């Protein structure tokens, strides 16, 4: 389930946190507010949100790693060494 823009505005989610895990942040913030931000409260909600955020970061890192590998392969294919002895037509 993805939170809509209206839900995020209504819940006052900061722009920096409006990602694929925002639908988990909304109930976490409601719980935090209800429990006066006590650190031992809302542990289940916090764990689910942090797991989602971690998986999102790991997904982005894997995508970036694949892009970097593709770019490295492209650079290697473009770096063809110039032969010192030219090939002849009959060789």
PDB file of N, CA and C in Angstrom:
ATOM      1  N   UNK A   1       0.845  -1.180   0.000  1.00  0.00           N
ATOM      2  CA  UNK A   1       0.000   0.000   0.000  1.00  0.00           C
ATOM      3  C   UNK A   1       0.894   1.248   0.000  1.00  0.00           C
ATOM      4  N   UNK A   2       0.642   2.125  -0.887  1.00  0.00           N
ATOM      5  CA  UNK A   2       1.401   3.368  -0.990  1.00  0.00           C
ATOM      6  C   UNK A   2       0.508   4.510  -0.518  1.00  0.00           C
ATOM      7  N   UNK A   3       1.070   5.393   0.291  1.00  0.00           N
ATOM      8  CA  UNK A   3       0.316   6.540   0.785  1.00  0.00           C
ATOM      9  C   UNK A   3       0.138   7.563  -0.334  1.00  0.00           C
ATOM     10  N   UNK A   4      -1.033   8.147  -0.405  1.00  0.00           N
ATOM     11  CA  UNK A   4      -1.293   9.171  -1.421  1.00  0.00           C
ATOM     12  C   UNK A   4      -0.742  10.507  -0.941  1.00  0.00           C
ATOM     13  N   UNK A   5      -0.650  11.446  -1.868  1.00  0.00           N
ATOM     14  CA  UNK A   5      -0.167  12.786  -1.519  1.00  0.00           C
ATOM     15  C   UNK A   5      -1.056  13.416  -0.453  1.00  0.00           C
ATOM     16  N   UNK A   6      -2.370  13.222  -0.600  1.00  0.00           N
ATOM     17  CA  UNK A   6      -3.301  13.813   0.361  1.00  0.00           C
ATOM     18  C   UNK A   6      -3.088  13.251   1.767  1.00  0.00           C
ATOM     19  N   UNK A   7      -2.862  11.938   1.854  1.00  0.00           N
ATOM     20  CA  UNK A   7      -2.621  11.322   3.158  1.00  0.00           C
ATOM     21  C   UNK A   7      -1.334  11.842   3.780  1.00  0.00           C
ATOM     22  N   UNK A   8      -0.303  12.020   2.963  1.00  0.00           N
ATOM     23  CA  UNK A   8       0.971  12.498   3.483  1.00  0.00           C
ATOM     24  C   UNK A   8       0.875  13.950   3.925  1.00  0.00           C
ATOM     25  N   UNK A   9       0.129  14.761   3.174  1.00  0.00           N
ATOM     26  CA  UNK A   9      -0.063  16.161   3.570  1.00  0.00           C
ATOM     27  C   UNK A   9      -0.858  16.228   4.858  1.00  0.00           C
ATOM     28  N   UNK A  10      -1.905  15.418   4.944  1.00  0.00           N
ATOM     29  CA  UNK A  10      -2.747  15.401   6.144  1.00  0.00           C
ATOM     30  C   UNK A  10      -1.959  14.956   7.376  1.00  0.00           C
ATOM     31  N   UNK A  11      -1.054  13.996   7.203  1.00  0.00           N
ATOM     32  CA  UNK A  11      -0.239  13.494   8.303  1.00  0.00           C
ATOM     33  C   UNK A  11       0.998  14.353   8.543  1.00  0.00           C
ATOM     34  N   UNK A  12       1.195  15.383   7.726  1.00  0.00           N
ATOM     35  CA  UNK A  12       2.332  16.308   7.840  1.00  0.00           C
ATOM     36  C   UNK A  12       3.669  15.580   7.754  1.00  0.00           C
ATOM     37  N   UNK A  13       3.777  14.679   6.789  1.00  0.00           N
ATOM     38  CA  UNK A  13       5.026  13.962   6.556  1.00  0.00           C
ATOM     39  C   UNK A  13       5.977  14.908   5.817  1.00  0.00           C
ATOM     40  N   UNK A  14       7.200  15.110   6.326  1.00  0.00           N
ATOM     41  CA  UNK A  14       8.151  15.990   5.637  1.00  0.00           C
ATOM     42  C   UNK A  14       8.472  15.457   4.241  1.00  0.00           C
ATOM     43  N   UNK A  15       8.813  16.363   3.337  1.00  0.00           N
ATOM     44  CA  UNK A  15       9.093  15.982   1.950  1.00  0.00           C
ATOM     45  C   UNK A  15      10.203  14.947   1.852  1.00  0.00           C
ATOM     46  N   UNK A  16      11.194  15.039   2.700  1.00  0.00           N
ATOM     47  CA  UNK A  16      12.321  14.111   2.638  1.00  0.00           C
ATOM     48  C   UNK A  16      11.915  12.675   2.952  1.00  0.00           C
ATOM     49  N   UNK A  17      10.806  12.481   3.632  1.00  0.00           N
ATOM     50  CA  UNK A  17      10.361  11.147   4.028  1.00  0.00           C
ATOM     51  C   UNK A  17       9.214  10.621   3.179  1.00  0.00           C
ATOM     52  N   UNK A  18       8.876  11.299   2.119  1.00  0.00           N
ATOM     53  CA  UNK A  18       7.775  10.862   1.256  1.00  0.00           C
ATOM     54  C   UNK A  18       8.305   9.916   0.184  1.00  0.00           C
ATOM     55  N   UNK A  19       8.518   8.680   0.588  1.00  0.00           N
ATOM     56  CA  UNK A  19       9.013   7.661  -0.327  1.00  0.00           C
ATOM     57  C   UNK A  19       8.098   6.449  -0.253  1.00  0.00           C
ATOM     58  N   UNK A  20       8.600   5.287  -0.659  1.00  0.00           N
ATOM     59  CA  UNK A  20       7.782   4.080  -0.676  1.00  0.00           C
ATOM     60  C   UNK A  20       7.445   3.593   0.728  1.00  0.00           C
ATOM     61  N   UNK A  21       8.103   4.107   1.750  1.00  0.00           N
ATOM     62  CA  UNK A  21       7.852   3.683   3.125  1.00  0.00           C
ATOM     63  C   UNK A  21       6.979   4.675   3.894  1.00  0.00           C
ATOM     64  N   UNK A  22       6.484   5.685   3.236  1.00  0.00           N
ATOM     65  CA  UNK A  22       5.689   6.706   3.920  1.00  0.00           C
ATOM     66  C   UNK A  22       4.413   6.126   4.513  1.00  0.00           C
ATOM     67  N   UNK A  23       3.869   5.089   3.868  1.00  0.00           N
ATOM     68  CA  UNK A  23       2.644   4.490   4.408  1.00  0.00           C
ATOM     69  C   UNK A  23       2.894   3.808   5.751  1.00  0.00           C
ATOM     70  N   UNK A  24       4.144   3.509   6.078  1.00  0.00           N
ATOM     71  CA  UNK A  24       4.483   2.948   7.384  1.00  0.00           C
ATOM     72  C   UNK A  24       4.865   4.040   8.382  1.00  0.00           C
ATOM     73  N   UNK A  25       5.326   5.164   7.884  1.00  0.00           N
ATOM     74  CA  UNK A  25       5.723   6.266   8.755  1.00  0.00           C
ATOM     75  C   UNK A  25       4.508   6.959   9.378  1.00  0.00           C
ATOM     76  N   UNK A  26       3.415   7.009   8.656  1.00  0.00           N
ATOM     77  CA  UNK A  26       2.223   7.697   9.159  1.00  0.00           C
ATOM     78  C   UNK A  26       1.719   7.063  10.461  1.00  0.00           C
ATOM     79  N   UNK A  27       1.475   5.736  10.513  1.00  0.00           N
ATOM     80  CA  UNK A  27       1.035   5.167  11.794  1.00  0.00           C
ATOM     81  C   UNK A  27       2.115   5.219  12.878  1.00  0.00           C
ATOM     82  N   UNK A  28       3.397   5.157  12.473  1.00  0.00           N
ATOM     83  CA  UNK A  28       4.478   5.272  13.448  1.00  0.00           C
ATOM     84  C   UNK A  28       4.451   6.644  14.113  1.00  0.00           C
ATOM     85  N   UNK A  29       4.292   7.697  13.336  1.00  0.00           N
ATOM     86  CA  UNK A  29       4.248   9.042  13.910  1.00  0.00           C
ATOM     87  C   UNK A  29       3.012   9.243  14.776  1.00  0.00           C
ATOM     88  N   UNK A  30       1.889   8.642  14.370  1.00  0.00           N
ATOM     89  CA  UNK A  30       0.679   8.731  15.208  1.00  0.00           C
ATOM     90  C   UNK A  30       0.912   8.044  16.552  1.00  0.00           C
ATOM     91  N   UNK A  31       1.545   6.873  16.514  1.00  0.00           N
ATOM     92  CA  UNK A  31       1.850   6.146  17.748  1.00  0.00           C
ATOM     93  C   UNK A  31       2.821   6.942  18.612  1.00  0.00           C
ATOM     94  N   UNK A  32       3.839   7.501  17.998  1.00  0.00           N
ATOM     95  CA  UNK A  32       4.822   8.290  18.749  1.00  0.00           C
ATOM     96  C   UNK A  32       4.149   9.468  19.438  1.00  0.00           C
ATOM     97  N   UNK A  33       3.260  10.137  18.723  1.00  0.00           N
ATOM     98  CA  UNK A  33       2.567  11.282  19.301  1.00  0.00           C
ATOM     99  C   UNK A  33       1.667  10.840  20.457  1.00  0.00           C
ATOM    100  N   UNK A  34       0.969   9.722  20.280  1.00  0.00           N
ATOM    101  CA  UNK A  34       0.066   9.228  21.324  1.00  0.00           C
ATOM    102  C   UNK A  34       0.834   8.767  22.558  1.00  0.00           C
ATOM    103  N   UNK A  35       2.030   8.236  22.369  1.00  0.00           N
ATOM    104  CA  UNK A  35       2.830   7.693  23.474  1.00  0.00           C
ATOM    105  C   UNK A  35       3.901   8.668  23.964  1.00  0.00           C
ATOM    106  N   UNK A  36       3.824   9.923  23.547  1.00  0.00           N
ATOM    107  CA  UNK A  36       4.734  10.982  23.990  1.00  0.00           C
ATOM    108  C   UNK A  36       6.199  10.677  23.666  1.00  0.00           C
ATOM    109  N   UNK A  37       6.439  10.033  22.527  1.00  0.00           N
ATOM    110  CA  UNK A  37       7.784   9.739  22.016  1.00  0.00           C
ATOM    111  C   UNK A  37       8.640   8.920  22.981  1.00  0.00           C
ATOM    112  N   UNK A  38       8.025   8.087  23.798  1.00  0.00           N
ATOM    113  CA  UNK A  38       8.789   7.208  24.681  1.00  0.00           C
ATOM    114  C   UNK A  38       9.502   6.164  23.822  1.00  0.00           C
ATOM    115  N   UNK A  39      10.822   5.992  24.014  1.00  0.00           N
ATOM    116  CA  UNK A  39      11.591   5.129  23.114  1.00  0.00           C
ATOM    117  C   UNK A  39      11.198   3.658  23.163  1.00  0.00           C
ATOM    118  N   UNK A  40      10.653   3.171  24.271  1.00  0.00           N
ATOM    119  CA  UNK A  40      10.282   1.760  24.357  1.00  0.00           C
ATOM    120  C   UNK A  40       8.864   1.490  23.863  1.00  0.00           C
ATOM    121  N   UNK A  41       8.179   2.522  23.453  1.00  0.00           N
ATOM    122  CA  UNK A  41       6.845   2.366  22.876  1.00  0.00           C
ATOM    123  C   UNK A  41       6.956   2.338  21.352  1.00  0.00           C
ATOM    124  N   UNK A  42       5.988   1.808  20.689  1.00  0.00           N
ATOM    125  CA  UNK A  42       5.894   1.787  19.219  1.00  0.00           C
ATOM    126  C   UNK A  42       7.066   1.036  18.580  1.00  0.00           C
ATOM    127  N   UNK A  43       7.615   0.059  19.271  1.00  0.00           N
ATOM    128  CA  UNK A  43       8.768  -0.662  18.736  1.00  0.00           C
ATOM    129  C   UNK A  43       8.422  -1.449  17.482  1.00  0.00           C
ATOM    130  N   UNK A  44       7.246  -2.066  17.454  1.00  0.00           N
ATOM    131  CA  UNK A  44       6.864  -2.867  16.286  1.00  0.00           C
ATOM    132  C   UNK A  44       6.727  -1.989  15.051  1.00  0.00           C
ATOM    133  N   UNK A  45       6.066  -0.843  15.198  1.00  0.00           N
ATOM    134  CA  UNK A  45       5.897   0.075  14.073  1.00  0.00           C
ATOM    135  C   UNK A  45       7.241   0.610  13.601  1.00  0.00           C
ATOM    136  N   UNK A  46       8.108   0.946  14.563  1.00  0.00           N
ATOM    137  CA  UNK A  46       9.429   1.468  14.197  1.00  0.00           C
ATOM    138  C   UNK A  46      10.263   0.420  13.472  1.00  0.00           C
ATOM    139  N   UNK A  47      10.193  -0.810  13.949  1.00  0.00           N
ATOM    140  CA  UNK A  47      10.960  -1.883  13.314  1.00  0.00           C
ATOM    141  C   UNK A  47      10.501  -2.094  11.872  1.00  0.00           C
ATOM    142  N   UNK A  48       9.196  -2.110  11.643  1.00  0.00           N
ATOM    143  CA  UNK A  48       8.670  -2.317  10.290  1.00  0.00           C
ATOM    144  C   UNK A  48       9.090  -1.166   9.384  1.00  0.00           C
ATOM    145  N   UNK A  49       9.008   0.069   9.889  1.00  0.00           N
ATOM    146  CA  UNK A  49       9.399   1.226   9.078  1.00  0.00           C
ATOM    147  C   UNK A  49      10.896   1.197   8.768  1.00  0.00           C
ATOM    148  N   UNK A  50      11.720   0.919   9.769  1.00  0.00           N
ATOM    149  CA  UNK A  50      13.164   0.905   9.546  1.00  0.00           C
ATOM    150  C   UNK A  50      13.574  -0.218   8.608  1.00  0.00           C
ATOM    151  N   UNK A  51      12.899  -1.360   8.664  1.00  0.00           N
ATOM    152  CA  UNK A  51      13.187  -2.456   7.747  1.00  0.00           C
ATOM    153  C   UNK A  51      12.859  -2.050   6.317  1.00  0.00           C
ATOM    154  N   UNK A  52      11.727  -1.382   6.141  1.00  0.00           N
ATOM    155  CA  UNK A  52      11.342  -0.908   4.812  1.00  0.00           C
ATOM    156  C   UNK A  52      12.375   0.091   4.290  1.00  0.00           C
ATOM    157  N   UNK A  53      12.794   1.029   5.132  1.00  0.00           N
ATOM    158  CA  UNK A  53      13.777   2.027   4.714  1.00  0.00           C
ATOM    159  C   UNK A  53      15.107   1.366   4.364  1.00  0.00           C
ATOM    160  N   UNK A  54      15.518   0.363   5.143  1.00  0.00           N
ATOM    161  CA  UNK A  54      16.769  -0.352   4.874  1.00  0.00           C
ATOM    162  C   UNK A  54      16.694  -1.074   3.537  1.00  0.00           C
ATOM    163  N   UNK A  55      15.586  -1.768   3.297  1.00  0.00           N
ATOM    164  CA  UNK A  55      15.429  -2.494   2.034  1.00  0.00           C
ATOM    165  C   UNK A  55      15.413  -1.540   0.849  1.00  0.00           C
ATOM    166  N   UNK A  56      14.830  -0.371   1.024  1.00  0.00           N
ATOM    167  CA  UNK A  56      14.800   0.632  -0.033  1.00  0.00           C
ATOM    168  C   UNK A  56      16.211   1.122  -0.353  1.00  0.00           C
ATOM    169  N   UNK A  57      17.012   1.365   0.670  1.00  0.00           N
ATOM    170  CA  UNK A  57      18.396   1.804   0.467  1.00  0.00           C
ATOM    171  C   UNK A  57      19.197   0.713  -0.225  1.00  0.00           C
ATOM    172  N   UNK A  58      19.031  -0.533   0.216  1.00  0.00           N
ATOM    173  CA  UNK A  58      19.770  -1.638  -0.394  1.00  0.00           C
ATOM    174  C   UNK A  58      19.379  -1.810  -1.867  1.00  0.00           C
ATOM    175  N   UNK A  59      18.111  -1.638  -2.170  1.00  0.00           N
ATOM    176  CA  UNK A  59      17.648  -1.734  -3.558  1.00  0.00           C
ATOM    177  C   UNK A  59      18.308  -0.657  -4.415  1.00  0.00           C
ATOM    178  N   UNK A  60      18.376   0.557  -3.884  1.00  0.00           N
ATOM    179  CA  UNK A  60      19.017   1.652  -4.617  1.00  0.00           C
ATOM    180  C   UNK A  60      20.504   1.387  -4.811  1.00  0.00           C
ATOM    181  N   UNK A  61      21.156   0.837  -3.787  1.00  0.00           N
ATOM    182  CA  UNK A  61      22.584   0.535  -3.901  1.00  0.00           C
ATOM    183  C   UNK A  61      22.834  -0.531  -4.964  1.00  0.00           C
ATOM    184  N   UNK A  62      21.988  -1.558  -5.020  1.00  0.00           N
ATOM    185  CA  UNK A  62      22.151  -2.603  -6.029  1.00  0.00           C
ATOM    186  C   UNK A  62      21.960  -2.047  -7.437  1.00  0.00           C
ATOM    187  N   UNK A  63      20.969  -1.179  -7.601  1.00  0.00           N
ATOM    188  CA  UNK A  63      20.751  -0.559  -8.907  1.00  0.00           C
ATOM    189  C   UNK A  63      21.968   0.267  -9.315  1.00  0.00           C
ATOM    190  N   UNK A  64      22.522   1.024  -8.373  1.00  0.00           N
ATOM    191  CA  UNK A  64      23.683   1.853  -8.682  1.00  0.00           C
ATOM    192  C   UNK A  64      24.894   0.990  -9.002  1.00  0.00           C
ATOM    193  N   UNK A  65      25.051  -0.112  -8.303  1.00  0.00           N
ATOM    194  CA  UNK A  65      26.162  -1.016  -8.570  1.00  0.00           C
ATOM    195  C   UNK A  65      26.053  -1.599  -9.979  1.00  0.00           C
ATOM    196  N   UNK A  66      24.845  -1.976 -10.396  1.00  0.00           N
ATOM    197  CA  UNK A  66      24.653  -2.506 -11.745  1.00  0.00           C
ATOM    198  C   UNK A  66      24.958  -1.449 -12.800  1.00  0.00           C
ATOM    199  N   UNK A  67      24.555  -0.221 -12.548  1.00  0.00           N
ATOM    200  CA  UNK A  67      24.838   0.864 -13.487  1.00  0.00           C
ATOM    201  C   UNK A  67      26.346   1.081 -13.605  1.00  0.00           C
ATOM    202  N   UNK A  68      27.041   1.070 -12.468  1.00  0.00           N
ATOM    203  CA  UNK A  68      28.491   1.263 -12.492  1.00  0.00           C
ATOM    204  C   UNK A  68      29.189   0.121 -13.218  1.00  0.00           C
ATOM    205  N   UNK A  69      28.711  -1.112 -13.040  1.00  0.00           N
ATOM    206  CA  UNK A  69      29.297  -2.250 -13.747  1.00  0.00           C
ATOM    207  C   UNK A  69      29.085  -2.124 -15.254  1.00  0.00           C
ATOM    208  N   UNK A  70      27.888  -1.688 -15.665  1.00  0.00           N
ATOM    209  CA  UNK A  70      27.620  -1.492 -17.089  1.00  0.00           C
ATOM    210  C   UNK A  70      28.516  -0.415 -17.670  1.00  0.00           C
ATOM    211  N   UNK A  71      28.717   0.671 -16.943  1.00  0.00           N
ATOM    212  CA  UNK A  71      29.583   1.739 -17.412  1.00  0.00           C
ATOM    213  C   UNK A  71      31.032   1.266 -17.512  1.00  0.00           C
ATOM    214  N   UNK A  72      31.463   0.451 -16.564  1.00  0.00           N
ATOM    215  CA  UNK A  72      32.827  -0.076 -16.606  1.00  0.00           C
ATOM    216  C   UNK A  72      33.009  -0.986 -17.814  1.00  0.00           C
ATOM    217  N   UNK A  73      32.028  -1.820 -18.118  1.00  0.00           N
ATOM    218  CA  UNK A  73      32.098  -2.690 -19.294  1.00  0.00           C
ATOM    219  C   UNK A  73      32.138  -1.860 -20.573  1.00  0.00           C
ATOM    220  N   UNK A  74      31.354  -0.791 -20.608  1.00  0.00           N
ATOM    221  CA  UNK A  74      31.321   0.077 -21.773  1.00  0.00           C
ATOM    222  C   UNK A  74      32.683   0.748 -21.980  1.00  0.00           C
ATOM    223  N   UNK A  75      33.300   1.201 -20.892  1.00  0.00           N
ATOM    224  CA  UNK A  75      34.621   1.818 -20.994  1.00  0.00           C
ATOM    225  C   UNK A  75      35.663   0.813 -21.463  1.00  0.00           C
ATOM    226  N   UNK A  76      35.574  -0.422 -20.972  1.00  0.00           N
ATOM    227  CA  UNK A  76      36.526  -1.450 -21.381  1.00  0.00           C
ATOM    228  C   UNK A  76      36.376  -1.765 -22.867  1.00  0.00           C
ATOM    229  N   UNK A  77      35.146  -1.817 -23.339  1.00  0.00           N
ATOM    230  CA  UNK A  77      34.933  -2.130 -24.757  1.00  0.00           C
ATOM    231  C   UNK A  77      35.400  -0.980 -25.657  1.00  0.00           C
ATOM    232  N   UNK A  78      35.369   0.244 -25.156  1.00  0.00           N
ATOM    233  CA  UNK A  78      35.820   1.383 -25.941  1.00  0.00           C
ATOM    234  C   UNK A  78      37.344   1.500 -25.954  1.00  0.00           C
ATOM    235  N   UNK A  79      38.016   0.920 -24.997  1.00  0.00           N
ATOM    236  CA  UNK A  79      39.480   0.993 -24.909  1.00  0.00           C
ATOM    237  C   UNK A  79      40.095  -0.187 -25.648  1.00  0.00           C
ATOM    238  N   UNK A  80      40.037  -0.153 -26.947  1.00  0.00           N
ATOM    239  CA  UNK A  80      40.673  -1.178 -27.782  1.00  0.00           C
ATOM    240  C   UNK A  80      42.124  -0.751 -28.006  1.00  0.00           C
ATOM    241  N   UNK A  81      43.080  -1.616 -27.714  1.00  0.00           N
ATOM    242  CA  UNK A  81      44.480  -1.231 -27.912  1.00  0.00           C
ATOM    243  C   UNK A  81      44.797  -1.117 -29.407  1.00  0.00           C
ATOM    244  N   UNK A  82      45.656  -0.190 -29.723  1.00  0.00           N
ATOM    245  CA  UNK A  82      46.104  -0.007 -31.110  1.00  0.00           C
ATOM    246  C   UNK A  82      47.207  -1.006 -31.374  1.00  0.00           C
ATOM    247  N   UNK A  83      47.067  -1.842 -32.389  1.00  0.00           N
ATOM    248  CA  UNK A  83      48.099  -2.850 -32.662  1.00  0.00           C
ATOM    249  C   UNK A  83      49.382  -2.195 -33.157  1.00  0.00           C
ATOM    250  N   UNK A  84      50.515  -2.706 -32.683  1.00  0.00           N
ATOM    251  CA  UNK A  84      51.807  -2.172 -33.104  1.00  0.00           C
ATOM    252  C   UNK A  84      52.159  -2.628 -34.506  1.00  0.00           C
ATOM    253  N   UNK A  85      51.761  -3.837 -34.869  1.00  0.00           N
ATOM    254  CA  UNK A  85      52.017  -4.351 -36.202  1.00  0.00           C
ATOM    255  C   UNK A  85      50.676  -4.414 -36.935  1.00  0.00           C
ATOM    256  N   UNK A  86      50.544  -3.657 -38.006  1.00  0.00           N
ATOM    257  CA  UNK A  86      49.259  -3.657 -38.715  1.00  0.00           C
ATOM    258  C   UNK A  86      49.014  -4.993 -39.415  1.00  0.00           C
ATOM    259  N   UNK A  87      47.757  -5.369 -39.496  1.00  0.00           N
ATOM    260  CA  UNK A  87      47.389  -6.596 -40.181  1.00  0.00           C
ATOM    261  C   UNK A  87      47.433  -6.361 -41.694  1.00  0.00           C
ATOM    262  N   UNK A  88      47.981  -7.310 -42.402  1.00  0.00           N
ATOM    263  CA  UNK A  88      48.011  -7.186 -43.858  1.00  0.00           C
ATOM    264  C   UNK A  88      46.826  -7.929 -44.444  1.00  0.00           C
ATOM    265  N   UNK A  89      46.581  -7.711 -45.703  1.00  0.00           N
ATOM    266  CA  UNK A  89      45.423  -8.309 -46.358  1.00  0.00           C
ATOM    267  C   UNK A  89      45.574  -9.822 -46.497  1.00  0.00           C
ATOM    268  N   UNK A  90      46.798 -10.331 -46.679  1.00  0.00           N
ATOM    269  CA  UNK A  90      47.004 -11.767 -46.883  1.00  0.00           C
ATOM    270  C   UNK A  90      47.378 -12.512 -45.609  1.00  0.00           C
ATOM    271  N   UNK A  91      47.519 -11.847 -44.498  1.00  0.00           N
ATOM    272  CA  UNK A  91      47.997 -12.524 -43.299  1.00  0.00           C
ATOM    273  C   UNK A  91      46.925 -13.182 -42.549  1.00  0.00           C
TER     274      UNK A  91
END
